[in-house]
Amino acid sequence: MTDSTPMAHITITFNNGVVQVYAVTEQQLDGLQLASRVKSMMEASMVALEVEDRLVMLPMANIRMIEVSPSPTKLPDTVIRHVVPLE
């Protein structure tokens, strides 16, 4: 990836409090294919990431939260959009 490639971040928070952040190109987070990928991830038992030269598989049972920032433009119908947190 070049420095001029727009980046998005995937932040994974594990049940034990450990946080891992990964960078991906925004192009990978765009389009209808991503919406179906997000839906599949919600139903899967593992999150699989190709990280450099290795495959990293993370059990969903160990994950408390996955955050993608900025949010993809296309999302599954099950996502409630334009929510504002109240703290």
PDB file of N, CA and C in Angstrom:
ATOM      1  N   MET A   1       0.836  -1.167   0.000  1.00  0.00           N
ATOM      2  CA  MET A   1       0.000   0.000   0.000  1.00  0.00           C
ATOM      3  C   MET A   1       0.885   1.235   0.000  1.00  0.00           C
ATOM      4  N   THR A   2       0.487   2.221  -0.744  1.00  0.00           N
ATOM      5  CA  THR A   2       1.252   3.452  -0.789  1.00  0.00           C
ATOM      6  C   THR A   2       0.722   4.433   0.243  1.00  0.00           C
ATOM      7  N   ASP A   3       1.530   5.481   0.522  1.00  0.00           N
ATOM      8  CA  ASP A   3       1.115   6.486   1.495  1.00  0.00           C
ATOM      9  C   ASP A   3      -0.103   7.264   1.024  1.00  0.00           C
ATOM     10  N   SER A   4      -0.353   7.331  -0.296  1.00  0.00           N
ATOM     11  CA  SER A   4      -1.481   8.095  -0.812  1.00  0.00           C
ATOM     12  C   SER A   4      -2.781   7.290  -0.820  1.00  0.00           C
ATOM     13  N   THR A   5      -2.751   6.006  -0.460  1.00  0.00           N
ATOM     14  CA  THR A   5      -3.946   5.176  -0.438  1.00  0.00           C
ATOM     15  C   THR A   5      -4.804   5.552   0.768  1.00  0.00           C
ATOM     16  N   PRO A   6      -6.082   5.928   0.549  1.00  0.00           N
ATOM     17  CA  PRO A   6      -6.952   6.233   1.689  1.00  0.00           C
ATOM     18  C   PRO A   6      -7.080   5.005   2.584  1.00  0.00           C
ATOM     19  N   MET A   7      -7.014   5.219   3.878  1.00  0.00           N
ATOM     20  CA  MET A   7      -7.043   4.103   4.817  1.00  0.00           C
ATOM     21  C   MET A   7      -8.275   4.174   5.711  1.00  0.00           C
ATOM     22  N   ALA A   8      -8.726   3.015   6.109  1.00  0.00           N
ATOM     23  CA  ALA A   8      -9.761   2.886   7.130  1.00  0.00           C
ATOM     24  C   ALA A   8      -9.159   1.994   8.216  1.00  0.00           C
ATOM     25  N   HIS A   9      -9.797   1.974   9.372  1.00  0.00           N
ATOM     26  CA  HIS A   9      -9.284   1.179  10.480  1.00  0.00           C
ATOM     27  C   HIS A   9     -10.331   0.193  10.969  1.00  0.00           C
ATOM     28  N   ILE A  10      -9.854  -1.002  11.292  1.00  0.00           N
ATOM     29  CA  ILE A  10     -10.674  -2.006  11.950  1.00  0.00           C
ATOM     30  C   ILE A  10     -10.099  -2.156  13.347  1.00  0.00           C
ATOM     31  N   THR A  11     -10.908  -1.832  14.353  1.00  0.00           N
ATOM     32  CA  THR A  11     -10.483  -1.955  15.743  1.00  0.00           C
ATOM     33  C   THR A  11     -11.228  -3.121  16.362  1.00  0.00           C
ATOM     34  N   ILE A  12     -10.477  -4.081  16.881  1.00  0.00           N
ATOM     35  CA  ILE A  12     -11.073  -5.264  17.507  1.00  0.00           C
ATOM     36  C   ILE A  12     -10.769  -5.210  18.995  1.00  0.00           C
ATOM     37  N   THR A  13     -11.838  -5.223  19.798  1.00  0.00           N
ATOM     38  CA  THR A  13     -11.698  -5.247  21.250  1.00  0.00           C
ATOM     39  C   THR A  13     -12.066  -6.648  21.721  1.00  0.00           C
ATOM     40  N   PHE A  14     -11.136  -7.282  22.409  1.00  0.00           N
ATOM     41  CA  PHE A  14     -11.342  -8.643  22.882  1.00  0.00           C
ATOM     42  C   PHE A  14     -11.994  -8.632  24.265  1.00  0.00           C
ATOM     43  N   ASN A  15     -12.568  -9.751  24.653  1.00  0.00           N
ATOM     44  CA  ASN A  15     -13.241  -9.879  25.938  1.00  0.00           C
ATOM     45  C   ASN A  15     -12.317  -9.564  27.112  1.00  0.00           C
ATOM     46  N   ASN A  16     -11.010  -9.808  26.960  1.00  0.00           N
ATOM     47  CA  ASN A  16     -10.062  -9.553  28.046  1.00  0.00           C
ATOM     48  C   ASN A  16      -9.560  -8.109  28.065  1.00  0.00           C
ATOM     49  N   GLY A  17     -10.108  -7.236  27.184  1.00  0.00           N
ATOM     50  CA  GLY A  17      -9.733  -5.830  27.156  1.00  0.00           C
ATOM     51  C   GLY A  17      -8.628  -5.464  26.182  1.00  0.00           C
ATOM     52  N   VAL A  18      -7.951  -6.442  25.606  1.00  0.00           N
ATOM     53  CA  VAL A  18      -6.905  -6.183  24.617  1.00  0.00           C
ATOM     54  C   VAL A  18      -7.542  -5.597  23.364  1.00  0.00           C
ATOM     55  N   VAL A  19      -6.912  -4.576  22.789  1.00  0.00           N
ATOM     56  CA  VAL A  19      -7.406  -3.922  21.578  1.00  0.00           C
ATOM     57  C   VAL A  19      -6.349  -4.061  20.489  1.00  0.00           C
ATOM     58  N   GLN A  20      -6.775  -4.474  19.299  1.00  0.00           N
ATOM     59  CA  GLN A  20      -5.888  -4.538  18.136  1.00  0.00           C
ATOM     60  C   GLN A  20      -6.499  -3.691  17.037  1.00  0.00           C
ATOM     61  N   VAL A  21      -5.657  -2.896  16.359  1.00  0.00           N
ATOM     62  CA  VAL A  21      -6.120  -2.033  15.281  1.00  0.00           C
ATOM     63  C   VAL A  21      -5.410  -2.452  13.999  1.00  0.00           C
ATOM     64  N   TYR A  22      -6.195  -2.591  12.923  1.00  0.00           N
ATOM     65  CA  TYR A  22      -5.663  -2.946  11.617  1.00  0.00           C
ATOM     66  C   TYR A  22      -6.043  -1.853  10.624  1.00  0.00           C
ATOM     67  N   ALA A  23      -5.168  -1.584   9.668  1.00  0.00           N
ATOM     68  CA  ALA A  23      -5.452  -0.608   8.613  1.00  0.00           C
ATOM     69  C   ALA A  23      -5.765  -1.353   7.327  1.00  0.00           C
ATOM     70  N   VAL A  24      -6.789  -0.883   6.617  1.00  0.00           N
ATOM     71  CA  VAL A  24      -7.160  -1.448   5.314  1.00  0.00           C
ATOM     72  C   VAL A  24      -7.438  -0.295   4.368  1.00  0.00           C
ATOM     73  N   THR A  25      -7.346  -0.554   3.067  1.00  0.00           N
ATOM     74  CA  THR A  25      -7.687   0.499   2.115  1.00  0.00           C
ATOM     75  C   THR A  25      -9.198   0.702   2.146  1.00  0.00           C
ATOM     76  N   GLU A  26      -9.633   1.938   1.992  1.00  0.00           N
ATOM     77  CA  GLU A  26     -11.069   2.216   1.992  1.00  0.00           C
ATOM     78  C   GLU A  26     -11.768   1.496   0.851  1.00  0.00           C
ATOM     79  N   GLN A  27     -11.052   1.245  -0.253  1.00  0.00           N
ATOM     80  CA  GLN A  27     -11.659   0.530  -1.380  1.00  0.00           C
ATOM     81  C   GLN A  27     -12.118  -0.864  -0.944  1.00  0.00           C
ATOM     82  N   GLN A  28     -11.411  -1.483   0.017  1.00  0.00           N
ATOM     83  CA  GLN A  28     -11.803  -2.803   0.498  1.00  0.00           C
ATOM     84  C   GLN A  28     -13.095  -2.739   1.307  1.00  0.00           C
ATOM     85  N   LEU A  29     -13.459  -1.554   1.787  1.00  0.00           N
ATOM     86  CA  LEU A  29     -14.648  -1.400   2.617  1.00  0.00           C
ATOM     87  C   LEU A  29     -15.806  -0.812   1.849  1.00  0.00           C
ATOM     88  N   ASP A  30     -15.701  -0.727   0.542  1.00  0.00           N
ATOM     89  CA  ASP A  30     -16.717  -0.064  -0.264  1.00  0.00           C
ATOM     90  C   ASP A  30     -17.529  -1.078  -1.067  1.00  0.00           C
ATOM     91  N   GLY A  31     -18.775  -0.767  -1.311  1.00  0.00           N
ATOM     92  CA  GLY A  31     -19.577  -1.551  -2.246  1.00  0.00           C
ATOM     93  C   GLY A  31     -20.500  -2.553  -1.610  1.00  0.00           C
ATOM     94  N   LEU A  32     -21.357  -3.121  -2.450  1.00  0.00           N
ATOM     95  CA  LEU A  32     -22.353  -4.092  -2.002  1.00  0.00           C
ATOM     96  C   LEU A  32     -21.729  -5.371  -1.486  1.00  0.00           C
ATOM     97  N   GLN A  33     -20.569  -5.749  -2.029  1.00  0.00           N
ATOM     98  CA  GLN A  33     -19.916  -6.974  -1.586  1.00  0.00           C
ATOM     99  C   GLN A  33     -19.568  -6.876  -0.098  1.00  0.00           C
ATOM    100  N   LEU A  34     -19.175  -5.680   0.352  1.00  0.00           N
ATOM    101  CA  LEU A  34     -18.846  -5.528   1.762  1.00  0.00           C
ATOM    102  C   LEU A  34     -20.075  -5.725   2.640  1.00  0.00           C
ATOM    103  N   ALA A  35     -21.218  -5.227   2.217  1.00  0.00           N
ATOM    104  CA  ALA A  35     -22.440  -5.385   3.003  1.00  0.00           C
ATOM    105  C   ALA A  35     -22.723  -6.869   3.249  1.00  0.00           C
ATOM    106  N   SER A  36     -22.558  -7.686   2.231  1.00  0.00           N
ATOM    107  CA  SER A  36     -22.795  -9.122   2.421  1.00  0.00           C
ATOM    108  C   SER A  36     -21.679  -9.739   3.260  1.00  0.00           C
ATOM    109  N   ARG A  37     -20.459  -9.225   3.160  1.00  0.00           N
ATOM    110  CA  ARG A  37     -19.342  -9.732   3.976  1.00  0.00           C
ATOM    111  C   ARG A  37     -19.584  -9.414   5.459  1.00  0.00           C
ATOM    112  N   VAL A  38     -20.068  -8.200   5.748  1.00  0.00           N
ATOM    113  CA  VAL A  38     -20.367  -7.826   7.137  1.00  0.00           C
ATOM    114  C   VAL A  38     -21.451  -8.741   7.694  1.00  0.00           C
ATOM    115  N   LYS A  39     -22.482  -8.983   6.906  1.00  0.00           N
ATOM    116  CA  LYS A  39     -23.563  -9.868   7.357  1.00  0.00           C
ATOM    117  C   LYS A  39     -23.028 -11.273   7.621  1.00  0.00           C
ATOM    118  N   SER A  40     -22.162 -11.772   6.752  1.00  0.00           N
ATOM    119  CA  SER A  40     -21.566 -13.096   6.951  1.00  0.00           C
ATOM    120  C   SER A  40     -20.715 -13.136   8.214  1.00  0.00           C
ATOM    121  N   MET A  41     -19.962 -12.046   8.465  1.00  0.00           N
ATOM    122  CA  MET A  41     -19.135 -11.990   9.677  1.00  0.00           C
ATOM    123  C   MET A  41     -19.999 -12.046  10.931  1.00  0.00           C
ATOM    124  N   MET A  42     -21.174 -11.406  10.884  1.00  0.00           N
ATOM    125  CA  MET A  42     -22.064 -11.391  12.036  1.00  0.00           C
ATOM    126  C   MET A  42     -22.570 -12.795  12.353  1.00  0.00           C
ATOM    127  N   GLU A  43     -22.611 -13.657  11.365  1.00  0.00           N
ATOM    128  CA  GLU A  43     -23.108 -15.025  11.538  1.00  0.00           C
ATOM    129  C   GLU A  43     -21.989 -16.046  11.727  1.00  0.00           C
ATOM    130  N   ALA A  44     -20.742 -15.634  11.508  1.00  0.00           N
ATOM    131  CA  ALA A  44     -19.614 -16.568  11.521  1.00  0.00           C
ATOM    132  C   ALA A  44     -19.079 -16.796  12.938  1.00  0.00           C
ATOM    133  N   SER A  45     -18.331 -17.874  13.090  1.00  0.00           N
ATOM    134  CA  SER A  45     -17.693 -18.162  14.378  1.00  0.00           C
ATOM    135  C   SER A  45     -16.263 -17.617  14.429  1.00  0.00           C
ATOM    136  N   MET A  46     -15.738 -17.156  13.290  1.00  0.00           N
ATOM    137  CA  MET A  46     -14.369 -16.639  13.220  1.00  0.00           C
ATOM    138  C   MET A  46     -14.322 -15.385  12.353  1.00  0.00           C
ATOM    139  N   VAL A  47     -13.399 -14.488  12.678  1.00  0.00           N
ATOM    140  CA  VAL A  47     -13.050 -13.382  11.802  1.00  0.00           C
ATOM    141  C   VAL A  47     -11.695 -13.749  11.210  1.00  0.00           C
ATOM    142  N   ALA A  48     -11.577 -13.724   9.899  1.00  0.00           N
ATOM    143  CA  ALA A  48     -10.330 -14.094   9.237  1.00  0.00           C
ATOM    144  C   ALA A  48      -9.755 -12.867   8.535  1.00  0.00           C
ATOM    145  N   LEU A  49      -8.490 -12.549   8.823  1.00  0.00           N
ATOM    146  CA  LEU A  49      -7.805 -11.405   8.228  1.00  0.00           C
ATOM    147  C   LEU A  49      -6.500 -11.869   7.604  1.00  0.00           C
ATOM    148  N   GLU A  50      -6.243 -11.427   6.400  1.00  0.00           N
ATOM    149  CA  GLU A  50      -4.929 -11.657   5.803  1.00  0.00           C
ATOM    150  C   GLU A  50      -4.062 -10.478   6.234  1.00  0.00           C
ATOM    151  N   VAL A  51      -3.088 -10.745   7.091  1.00  0.00           N
ATOM    152  CA  VAL A  51      -2.212  -9.717   7.635  1.00  0.00           C
ATOM    153  C   VAL A  51      -0.810  -9.966   7.103  1.00  0.00           C
ATOM    154  N   GLU A  52      -0.396  -9.077   6.193  1.00  0.00           N
ATOM    155  CA  GLU A  52       0.893  -9.207   5.513  1.00  0.00           C
ATOM    156  C   GLU A  52       1.003 -10.587   4.893  1.00  0.00           C
ATOM    157  N   ASP A  53       1.865 -11.443   5.406  1.00  0.00           N
ATOM    158  CA  ASP A  53       2.080 -12.747   4.776  1.00  0.00           C
ATOM    159  C   ASP A  53       1.486 -13.902   5.580  1.00  0.00           C
ATOM    160  N   ARG A  54       0.483 -13.593   6.406  1.00  0.00           N
ATOM    161  CA  ARG A  54      -0.111 -14.664   7.211  1.00  0.00           C
ATOM    162  C   ARG A  54      -1.625 -14.485   7.326  1.00  0.00           C
ATOM    163  N   LEU A  55      -2.297 -15.573   7.640  1.00  0.00           N
ATOM    164  CA  LEU A  55      -3.739 -15.576   7.861  1.00  0.00           C
ATOM    165  C   LEU A  55      -3.970 -15.573   9.361  1.00  0.00           C
ATOM    166  N   VAL A  56      -4.721 -14.600   9.860  1.00  0.00           N
ATOM    167  CA  VAL A  56      -5.042 -14.496  11.281  1.00  0.00           C
ATOM    168  C   VAL A  56      -6.525 -14.810  11.437  1.00  0.00           C
ATOM    169  N   MET A  57      -6.832 -15.806  12.259  1.00  0.00           N
ATOM    170  CA  MET A  57      -8.221 -16.197  12.495  1.00  0.00           C
ATOM    171  C   MET A  57      -8.544 -15.955  13.963  1.00  0.00           C
ATOM    172  N   LEU A  58      -9.566 -15.139  14.191  1.00  0.00           N
ATOM    173  CA  LEU A  58      -9.941 -14.734  15.537  1.00  0.00           C
ATOM    174  C   LEU A  58     -11.322 -15.295  15.867  1.00  0.00           C
ATOM    175  N   PRO A  59     -11.438 -16.094  16.917  1.00  0.00           N
ATOM    176  CA  PRO A  59     -12.750 -16.633  17.293  1.00  0.00           C
ATOM    177  C   PRO A  59     -13.685 -15.516  17.756  1.00  0.00           C
ATOM    178  N   MET A  60     -14.889 -15.473  17.203  1.00  0.00           N
ATOM    179  CA  MET A  60     -15.869 -14.460  17.583  1.00  0.00           C
ATOM    180  C   MET A  60     -16.197 -14.539  19.074  1.00  0.00           C
ATOM    181  N   ALA A  61     -16.112 -15.726  19.672  1.00  0.00           N
ATOM    182  CA  ALA A  61     -16.403 -15.880  21.099  1.00  0.00           C
ATOM    183  C   ALA A  61     -15.433 -15.073  21.957  1.00  0.00           C
ATOM    184  N   ASN A  62     -14.253 -14.750  21.431  1.00  0.00           N
ATOM    185  CA  ASN A  62     -13.261 -13.982  22.181  1.00  0.00           C
ATOM    186  C   ASN A  62     -13.354 -12.483  21.921  1.00  0.00           C
ATOM    187  N   ILE A  63     -14.271 -12.072  21.040  1.00  0.00           N
ATOM    188  CA  ILE A  63     -14.348 -10.667  20.625  1.00  0.00           C
ATOM    189  C   ILE A  63     -15.566 -10.007  21.256  1.00  0.00           C
ATOM    190  N   ARG A  64     -15.325  -8.872  21.914  1.00  0.00           N
ATOM    191  CA  ARG A  64     -16.417  -8.098  22.498  1.00  0.00           C
ATOM    192  C   ARG A  64     -17.005  -7.132  21.483  1.00  0.00           C
ATOM    193  N   MET A  65     -16.113  -6.516  20.632  1.00  0.00           N
ATOM    194  CA  MET A  65     -16.595  -5.502  19.698  1.00  0.00           C
ATOM    195  C   MET A  65     -15.633  -5.379  18.513  1.00  0.00           C
ATOM    196  N   ILE A  66     -16.208  -5.121  17.324  1.00  0.00           N
ATOM    197  CA  ILE A  66     -15.441  -4.794  16.126  1.00  0.00           C
ATOM    198  C   ILE A  66     -15.952  -3.455  15.631  1.00  0.00           C
ATOM    199  N   GLU A  67     -15.038  -2.514  15.421  1.00  0.00           N
ATOM    200  CA  GLU A  67     -15.407  -1.179  14.948  1.00  0.00           C
ATOM    201  C   GLU A  67     -14.671  -0.901  13.643  1.00  0.00           C
ATOM    202  N   VAL A  68     -15.392  -0.417  12.645  1.00  0.00           N
ATOM    203  CA  VAL A  68     -14.814  -0.032  11.358  1.00  0.00           C
ATOM    204  C   VAL A  68     -14.995   1.467  11.208  1.00  0.00           C
ATOM    205  N   SER A  69     -13.890   2.169  10.978  1.00  0.00           N
ATOM    206  CA  SER A  69     -13.945   3.621  10.883  1.00  0.00           C
ATOM    207  C   SER A  69     -13.093   4.121   9.714  1.00  0.00           C
ATOM    208  N   PRO A  70     -13.622   4.926   8.828  1.00  0.00           N
ATOM    209  CA  PRO A  70     -15.001   5.390   8.776  1.00  0.00           C
ATOM    210  C   PRO A  70     -15.941   4.252   8.369  1.00  0.00           C
ATOM    211  N   SER A  71     -17.207   4.448   8.671  1.00  0.00           N
ATOM    212  CA  SER A  71     -18.207   3.432   8.362  1.00  0.00           C
ATOM    213  C   SER A  71     -18.333   3.251   6.854  1.00  0.00           C
ATOM    214  N   PRO A  72     -18.455   2.004   6.395  1.00  0.00           N
ATOM    215  CA  PRO A  72     -18.690   1.776   4.967  1.00  0.00           C
ATOM    216  C   PRO A  72     -20.002   2.426   4.520  1.00  0.00           C
ATOM    217  N   THR A  73     -20.086   2.817   3.272  1.00  0.00           N
ATOM    218  CA  THR A  73     -21.296   3.463   2.763  1.00  0.00           C
ATOM    219  C   THR A  73     -22.440   2.470   2.589  1.00  0.00           C
ATOM    220  N   LYS A  74     -22.139   1.242   2.226  1.00  0.00           N
ATOM    221  CA  LYS A  74     -23.156   0.201   2.050  1.00  0.00           C
ATOM    222  C   LYS A  74     -23.093  -0.734   3.253  1.00  0.00           C
ATOM    223  N   LEU A  75     -24.252  -0.926   3.893  1.00  0.00           N
ATOM    224  CA  LEU A  75     -24.329  -1.773   5.073  1.00  0.00           C
ATOM    225  C   LEU A  75     -25.522  -2.720   4.960  1.00  0.00           C
ATOM    226  N   PRO A  76     -25.486  -3.845   5.700  1.00  0.00           N
ATOM    227  CA  PRO A  76     -26.631  -4.758   5.665  1.00  0.00           C
ATOM    228  C   PRO A  76     -27.892  -4.074   6.189  1.00  0.00           C
ATOM    229  N   ASP A  77     -29.046  -4.588   5.798  1.00  0.00           N
ATOM    230  CA  ASP A  77     -30.328  -4.027   6.231  1.00  0.00           C
ATOM    231  C   ASP A  77     -30.523  -4.104   7.739  1.00  0.00           C
ATOM    232  N   THR A  78     -29.800  -4.990   8.404  1.00  0.00           N
ATOM    233  CA  THR A  78     -29.963  -5.156   9.849  1.00  0.00           C
ATOM    234  C   THR A  78     -29.289  -4.044  10.653  1.00  0.00           C
ATOM    235  N   VAL A  79     -28.498  -3.184  10.002  1.00  0.00           N
ATOM    236  CA  VAL A  79     -27.786  -2.114  10.699  1.00  0.00           C
ATOM    237  C   VAL A  79     -28.705  -0.911  10.880  1.00  0.00           C
ATOM    238  N   ILE A  80     -28.786  -0.418  12.116  1.00  0.00           N
ATOM    239  CA  ILE A  80     -29.543   0.803  12.399  1.00  0.00           C
ATOM    240  C   ILE A  80     -28.590   1.968  12.151  1.00  0.00           C
ATOM    241  N   ARG A  81     -28.955   2.837  11.213  1.00  0.00           N
ATOM    242  CA  ARG A  81     -28.054   3.911  10.783  1.00  0.00           C
ATOM    243  C   ARG A  81     -28.322   5.211  11.535  1.00  0.00           C
ATOM    244  N   HIS A  82     -27.307   6.091  11.498  1.00  0.00           N
ATOM    245  CA  HIS A  82     -27.376   7.452  12.032  1.00  0.00           C
ATOM    246  C   HIS A  82     -27.739   7.479  13.526  1.00  0.00           C
ATOM    247  N   VAL A  83     -27.113   6.618  14.298  1.00  0.00           N
ATOM    248  CA  VAL A  83     -27.318   6.554  15.743  1.00  0.00           C
ATOM    249  C   VAL A  83     -26.333   7.511  16.410  1.00  0.00           C
ATOM    250  N   VAL A  84     -26.786   8.207  17.433  1.00  0.00           N
ATOM    251  CA  VAL A  84     -25.941   9.142  18.179  1.00  0.00           C
ATOM    252  C   VAL A  84     -25.774   8.615  19.598  1.00  0.00           C
ATOM    253  N   PRO A  85     -24.519   8.423  20.047  1.00  0.00           N
ATOM    254  CA  PRO A  85     -24.328   7.928  21.418  1.00  0.00           C
ATOM    255  C   PRO A  85     -24.652   9.020  22.444  1.00  0.00           C
ATOM    256  N   LEU A  86     -25.236   8.624  23.558  1.00  0.00           N
ATOM    257  CA  LEU A  86     -25.504   9.525  24.680  1.00  0.00           C
ATOM    258  C   LEU A  86     -24.611   9.091  25.831  1.00  0.00           C
ATOM    259  N   GLU A  87     -23.696   9.951  26.193  1.00  0.00           N
ATOM    260  CA  GLU A  87     -22.756   9.572  27.268  1.00  0.00           C
ATOM    261  C   GLU A  87     -22.951  10.409  28.484  1.00  0.00           C
TER     262      GLU A  87
END
